[in-house]
N, C-alpha and C. Protein backbone atom coordinates (compact mmCIF):
# COMPACT_ATOMS: atom_id res chain seq x y z
N UNK A 1 -21.39 14.87 46.69
CA UNK A 1 -20.02 14.42 46.54
C UNK A 1 -19.93 13.28 45.52
N UNK A 2 -20.89 12.38 45.51
CA UNK A 2 -20.89 11.27 44.57
C UNK A 2 -20.97 11.76 43.14
N UNK A 3 -21.79 12.78 42.89
CA UNK A 3 -21.94 13.33 41.54
C UNK A 3 -20.65 13.98 41.08
N UNK A 4 -19.97 14.67 41.97
CA UNK A 4 -18.70 15.32 41.65
C UNK A 4 -17.66 14.29 41.22
N UNK A 5 -17.58 13.18 41.97
CA UNK A 5 -16.61 12.14 41.63
C UNK A 5 -16.97 11.46 40.32
N UNK A 6 -18.26 11.27 40.08
CA UNK A 6 -18.73 10.64 38.85
C UNK A 6 -18.36 11.50 37.65
N UNK A 7 -18.60 12.80 37.74
CA UNK A 7 -18.26 13.71 36.65
C UNK A 7 -16.75 13.77 36.44
N UNK A 8 -16.03 13.80 37.54
CA UNK A 8 -14.58 13.87 37.46
C UNK A 8 -14.00 12.62 36.80
N UNK A 9 -14.49 11.45 37.16
CA UNK A 9 -13.98 10.21 36.57
C UNK A 9 -14.39 10.10 35.11
N UNK A 10 -15.55 10.63 34.76
CA UNK A 10 -16.00 10.60 33.36
C UNK A 10 -15.06 11.44 32.49
N UNK A 11 -14.72 12.65 32.95
CA UNK A 11 -13.84 13.50 32.16
C UNK A 11 -12.42 12.92 32.10
N UNK A 12 -12.00 12.26 33.18
CA UNK A 12 -10.69 11.60 33.19
C UNK A 12 -10.66 10.48 32.15
N UNK A 13 -11.73 9.69 32.10
CA UNK A 13 -11.79 8.58 31.13
C UNK A 13 -11.79 9.12 29.71
N UNK A 14 -12.51 10.20 29.47
CA UNK A 14 -12.56 10.79 28.12
C UNK A 14 -11.18 11.32 27.73
N UNK A 15 -10.51 11.98 28.66
CA UNK A 15 -9.18 12.52 28.39
C UNK A 15 -8.17 11.39 28.15
N UNK A 16 -8.27 10.32 28.92
CA UNK A 16 -7.37 9.17 28.75
C UNK A 16 -7.59 8.53 27.39
N UNK A 17 -8.84 8.37 27.00
CA UNK A 17 -9.13 7.77 25.70
C UNK A 17 -8.58 8.63 24.57
N UNK A 18 -8.72 9.95 24.71
CA UNK A 18 -8.21 10.87 23.69
C UNK A 18 -6.67 10.77 23.62
N UNK A 19 -6.03 10.75 24.77
CA UNK A 19 -4.57 10.67 24.82
C UNK A 19 -4.07 9.36 24.21
N UNK A 20 -4.78 8.28 24.47
CA UNK A 20 -4.36 6.98 23.94
C UNK A 20 -4.61 6.88 22.44
N UNK A 21 -5.60 7.60 21.93
CA UNK A 21 -5.93 7.54 20.51
C UNK A 21 -4.94 8.33 19.66
N UNK A 22 -4.32 9.36 20.23
CA UNK A 22 -3.43 10.21 19.46
C UNK A 22 -2.27 9.45 18.80
N UNK A 23 -1.54 8.59 19.51
CA UNK A 23 -0.45 7.86 18.83
C UNK A 23 -0.96 6.97 17.70
N UNK A 24 -2.13 6.38 17.88
CA UNK A 24 -2.71 5.53 16.84
C UNK A 24 -3.03 6.36 15.60
N UNK A 25 -3.59 7.54 15.81
CA UNK A 25 -3.91 8.41 14.67
C UNK A 25 -2.65 8.87 13.96
N UNK A 26 -1.61 9.17 14.72
CA UNK A 26 -0.34 9.59 14.11
C UNK A 26 0.26 8.45 13.29
N UNK A 27 0.19 7.23 13.83
CA UNK A 27 0.73 6.06 13.12
C UNK A 27 -0.05 5.82 11.83
N UNK A 28 -1.37 5.94 11.89
CA UNK A 28 -2.20 5.75 10.71
C UNK A 28 -1.84 6.76 9.63
N UNK A 29 -1.66 8.02 10.03
CA UNK A 29 -1.28 9.05 9.07
C UNK A 29 0.09 8.74 8.47
N UNK A 30 1.01 8.28 9.28
CA UNK A 30 2.36 7.95 8.79
C UNK A 30 2.31 6.81 7.79
N UNK A 31 1.50 5.80 8.07
CA UNK A 31 1.37 4.67 7.15
C UNK A 31 0.76 5.13 5.84
N UNK A 32 -0.29 5.95 5.90
CA UNK A 32 -0.91 6.46 4.67
C UNK A 32 0.08 7.29 3.88
N UNK A 33 0.84 8.14 4.56
CA UNK A 33 1.82 8.97 3.87
C UNK A 33 2.89 8.10 3.23
N UNK A 34 3.34 7.08 3.94
CA UNK A 34 4.37 6.19 3.40
C UNK A 34 3.87 5.47 2.16
N UNK A 35 2.61 5.01 2.18
CA UNK A 35 2.09 4.28 1.02
C UNK A 35 1.89 5.20 -0.17
N UNK A 36 1.56 6.49 0.07
CA UNK A 36 1.40 7.39 -1.05
C UNK A 36 2.73 7.94 -1.53
N UNK A 37 3.75 7.90 -0.67
CA UNK A 37 5.06 8.39 -1.03
C UNK A 37 5.95 7.29 -1.61
N UNK A 38 5.39 6.13 -1.84
CA UNK A 38 6.17 5.00 -2.33
C UNK A 38 6.84 5.37 -3.65
N UNK A 39 8.11 5.02 -3.75
CA UNK A 39 8.83 5.27 -4.98
C UNK A 39 8.26 4.39 -6.08
N UNK A 40 8.12 4.93 -7.27
CA UNK A 40 7.55 4.17 -8.38
C UNK A 40 8.46 3.01 -8.76
N UNK A 41 7.83 1.91 -9.13
CA UNK A 41 8.55 0.73 -9.58
C UNK A 41 8.52 0.72 -11.10
N UNK A 42 9.69 0.71 -11.71
CA UNK A 42 9.77 0.66 -13.16
C UNK A 42 9.60 -0.80 -13.59
N UNK A 43 8.47 -1.08 -14.20
CA UNK A 43 8.15 -2.48 -14.53
C UNK A 43 9.04 -3.05 -15.63
N UNK A 44 9.77 -2.20 -16.33
CA UNK A 44 10.67 -2.69 -17.37
C UNK A 44 12.07 -3.01 -16.83
N UNK A 45 12.38 -2.53 -15.64
CA UNK A 45 13.72 -2.75 -15.08
C UNK A 45 13.71 -3.47 -13.74
N UNK A 46 12.56 -3.54 -13.09
CA UNK A 46 12.48 -4.06 -11.73
C UNK A 46 12.75 -5.56 -11.67
N UNK A 47 13.42 -5.95 -10.61
CA UNK A 47 13.66 -7.37 -10.34
C UNK A 47 12.40 -7.98 -9.74
N UNK A 48 12.42 -9.29 -9.58
CA UNK A 48 11.30 -9.99 -8.94
C UNK A 48 11.06 -9.41 -7.56
N UNK A 49 12.12 -9.17 -6.81
CA UNK A 49 12.00 -8.63 -5.45
C UNK A 49 11.41 -7.24 -5.46
N UNK A 50 11.85 -6.39 -6.38
CA UNK A 50 11.35 -5.02 -6.45
C UNK A 50 9.88 -4.98 -6.85
N UNK A 51 9.46 -5.85 -7.73
CA UNK A 51 8.06 -5.89 -8.16
C UNK A 51 7.13 -6.29 -7.01
N UNK A 52 7.65 -7.03 -6.06
CA UNK A 52 6.85 -7.48 -4.93
C UNK A 52 6.47 -6.33 -3.99
N UNK A 53 7.05 -5.16 -4.18
CA UNK A 53 6.67 -3.99 -3.38
C UNK A 53 5.29 -3.47 -3.80
N UNK A 54 4.82 -3.89 -4.96
CA UNK A 54 3.51 -3.45 -5.45
C UNK A 54 2.39 -4.24 -4.76
N UNK A 55 1.26 -3.60 -4.60
CA UNK A 55 0.11 -4.21 -3.94
C UNK A 55 -0.40 -5.40 -4.75
N UNK A 56 -0.52 -6.53 -4.08
CA UNK A 56 -1.07 -7.72 -4.72
C UNK A 56 -0.09 -8.51 -5.56
N UNK A 57 1.16 -8.10 -5.56
CA UNK A 57 2.18 -8.80 -6.36
C UNK A 57 3.09 -9.59 -5.42
N UNK A 58 2.95 -10.89 -5.49
CA UNK A 58 3.82 -11.77 -4.72
C UNK A 58 4.92 -12.30 -5.62
N UNK A 59 5.62 -13.30 -5.13
CA UNK A 59 6.76 -13.83 -5.88
C UNK A 59 6.32 -14.43 -7.23
N UNK A 60 5.23 -15.18 -7.25
CA UNK A 60 4.80 -15.83 -8.49
C UNK A 60 4.40 -14.82 -9.56
N UNK A 61 3.64 -13.80 -9.18
CA UNK A 61 3.23 -12.79 -10.17
C UNK A 61 4.42 -11.95 -10.61
N UNK A 62 5.30 -11.63 -9.68
CA UNK A 62 6.49 -10.86 -10.04
C UNK A 62 7.34 -11.64 -11.04
N UNK A 63 7.50 -12.93 -10.79
CA UNK A 63 8.27 -13.78 -11.71
C UNK A 63 7.59 -13.86 -13.08
N UNK A 64 6.26 -13.93 -13.08
CA UNK A 64 5.51 -13.96 -14.35
C UNK A 64 5.72 -12.67 -15.13
N UNK A 65 5.78 -11.54 -14.44
CA UNK A 65 6.02 -10.26 -15.11
C UNK A 65 7.42 -10.25 -15.74
N UNK A 66 8.41 -10.68 -14.98
CA UNK A 66 9.79 -10.71 -15.50
C UNK A 66 9.89 -11.67 -16.68
N UNK A 67 9.27 -12.84 -16.55
CA UNK A 67 9.31 -13.83 -17.65
C UNK A 67 8.64 -13.28 -18.90
N UNK A 68 7.50 -12.64 -18.74
CA UNK A 68 6.79 -12.05 -19.88
C UNK A 68 7.65 -10.98 -20.54
N UNK A 69 8.26 -10.13 -19.71
CA UNK A 69 9.11 -9.05 -20.20
C UNK A 69 10.31 -9.61 -20.96
N UNK A 70 10.90 -10.68 -20.45
CA UNK A 70 12.05 -11.30 -21.10
C UNK A 70 11.66 -11.87 -22.47
N UNK A 71 10.50 -12.49 -22.52
CA UNK A 71 10.05 -13.14 -23.75
C UNK A 71 9.52 -12.14 -24.79
N UNK A 72 8.82 -11.09 -24.33
CA UNK A 72 8.11 -10.19 -25.25
C UNK A 72 8.68 -8.78 -25.36
N UNK A 73 9.69 -8.49 -24.59
CA UNK A 73 10.26 -7.14 -24.63
C UNK A 73 9.62 -6.22 -23.60
N UNK A 74 10.08 -4.99 -23.60
CA UNK A 74 9.62 -4.02 -22.61
C UNK A 74 8.14 -3.69 -22.78
N UNK A 75 7.52 -3.34 -21.64
CA UNK A 75 6.14 -2.89 -21.65
C UNK A 75 6.11 -1.45 -22.18
N UNK A 76 5.12 -1.16 -23.02
CA UNK A 76 4.99 0.20 -23.54
C UNK A 76 3.85 0.96 -22.86
N UNK A 77 2.94 0.24 -22.21
CA UNK A 77 1.90 0.87 -21.41
C UNK A 77 1.44 -0.10 -20.33
N UNK A 78 0.81 0.45 -19.31
CA UNK A 78 0.43 -0.36 -18.16
C UNK A 78 -0.61 -1.41 -18.52
N UNK A 79 -1.44 -1.15 -19.49
CA UNK A 79 -2.48 -2.11 -19.87
C UNK A 79 -1.88 -3.41 -20.38
N UNK A 80 -0.67 -3.37 -20.90
CA UNK A 80 0.01 -4.58 -21.37
C UNK A 80 0.22 -5.58 -20.24
N UNK A 81 0.28 -5.09 -19.02
CA UNK A 81 0.45 -5.98 -17.87
C UNK A 81 -0.67 -7.01 -17.77
N UNK A 82 -1.84 -6.67 -18.28
CA UNK A 82 -2.96 -7.62 -18.21
C UNK A 82 -2.73 -8.83 -19.10
N UNK A 83 -1.73 -8.77 -19.95
CA UNK A 83 -1.38 -9.91 -20.79
C UNK A 83 -0.58 -10.96 -20.01
N UNK A 84 -0.09 -10.56 -18.83
CA UNK A 84 0.66 -11.46 -17.97
C UNK A 84 -0.31 -12.33 -17.19
N UNK A 85 -0.07 -13.62 -17.16
CA UNK A 85 -0.93 -14.54 -16.42
C UNK A 85 -1.03 -14.12 -14.95
N UNK A 86 -2.26 -13.97 -14.48
CA UNK A 86 -2.49 -13.61 -13.09
C UNK A 86 -2.63 -12.12 -12.82
N UNK A 87 -2.40 -11.30 -13.83
CA UNK A 87 -2.50 -9.85 -13.67
C UNK A 87 -3.74 -9.38 -14.41
N UNK A 88 -4.65 -8.76 -13.68
CA UNK A 88 -5.88 -8.26 -14.29
C UNK A 88 -6.01 -6.75 -14.17
N UNK A 89 -7.10 -6.23 -14.70
CA UNK A 89 -7.35 -4.79 -14.68
C UNK A 89 -7.36 -4.23 -13.26
N UNK A 90 -7.96 -4.97 -12.33
CA UNK A 90 -8.05 -4.49 -10.95
C UNK A 90 -6.67 -4.31 -10.34
N UNK A 91 -5.81 -5.28 -10.54
CA UNK A 91 -4.44 -5.21 -9.99
C UNK A 91 -3.67 -4.05 -10.60
N UNK A 92 -3.84 -3.84 -11.90
CA UNK A 92 -3.17 -2.74 -12.57
C UNK A 92 -3.68 -1.41 -12.02
N UNK A 93 -5.00 -1.28 -11.87
CA UNK A 93 -5.56 -0.01 -11.39
C UNK A 93 -5.15 0.29 -9.95
N UNK A 94 -4.98 -0.75 -9.13
CA UNK A 94 -4.55 -0.57 -7.74
C UNK A 94 -3.12 -0.02 -7.66
N UNK A 95 -2.33 -0.29 -8.67
CA UNK A 95 -0.91 0.06 -8.64
C UNK A 95 -0.51 1.14 -9.65
N UNK A 96 -1.45 1.68 -10.37
CA UNK A 96 -1.14 2.64 -11.43
C UNK A 96 -0.22 3.76 -10.97
N UNK A 97 -0.49 4.32 -9.80
CA UNK A 97 0.30 5.46 -9.31
C UNK A 97 1.70 5.05 -8.86
N UNK A 98 1.92 3.77 -8.65
CA UNK A 98 3.21 3.29 -8.15
C UNK A 98 4.06 2.61 -9.20
N UNK A 99 3.62 2.65 -10.46
CA UNK A 99 4.38 1.98 -11.52
C UNK A 99 4.78 2.98 -12.60
N UNK A 100 5.90 2.70 -13.19
CA UNK A 100 6.35 3.45 -14.37
C UNK A 100 6.94 2.44 -15.35
N UNK A 101 7.22 2.91 -16.56
CA UNK A 101 7.85 2.03 -17.55
C UNK A 101 8.71 2.83 -18.48
């Protein structure tokens, strides 16, 4: 009888763990889908607030992008962003799929 209860409680614990993990997995998939479905940010038209939707771009970097754009004109390619203070190759590559110009 003890072995029966032990096996029964083991399968119950495994089933409970599986049931509890399902919502987490669904949430993770939703977050990944949302991040890949992000609407592209046009770096030539975006406001400071809109630029902050990009990964690694806070208020200071977004303002630097707008200031650079105002002073030097529209960006013609993404690599030009590296001319902005605080923006490097890594930041550009992280956001390549989410930016347009």
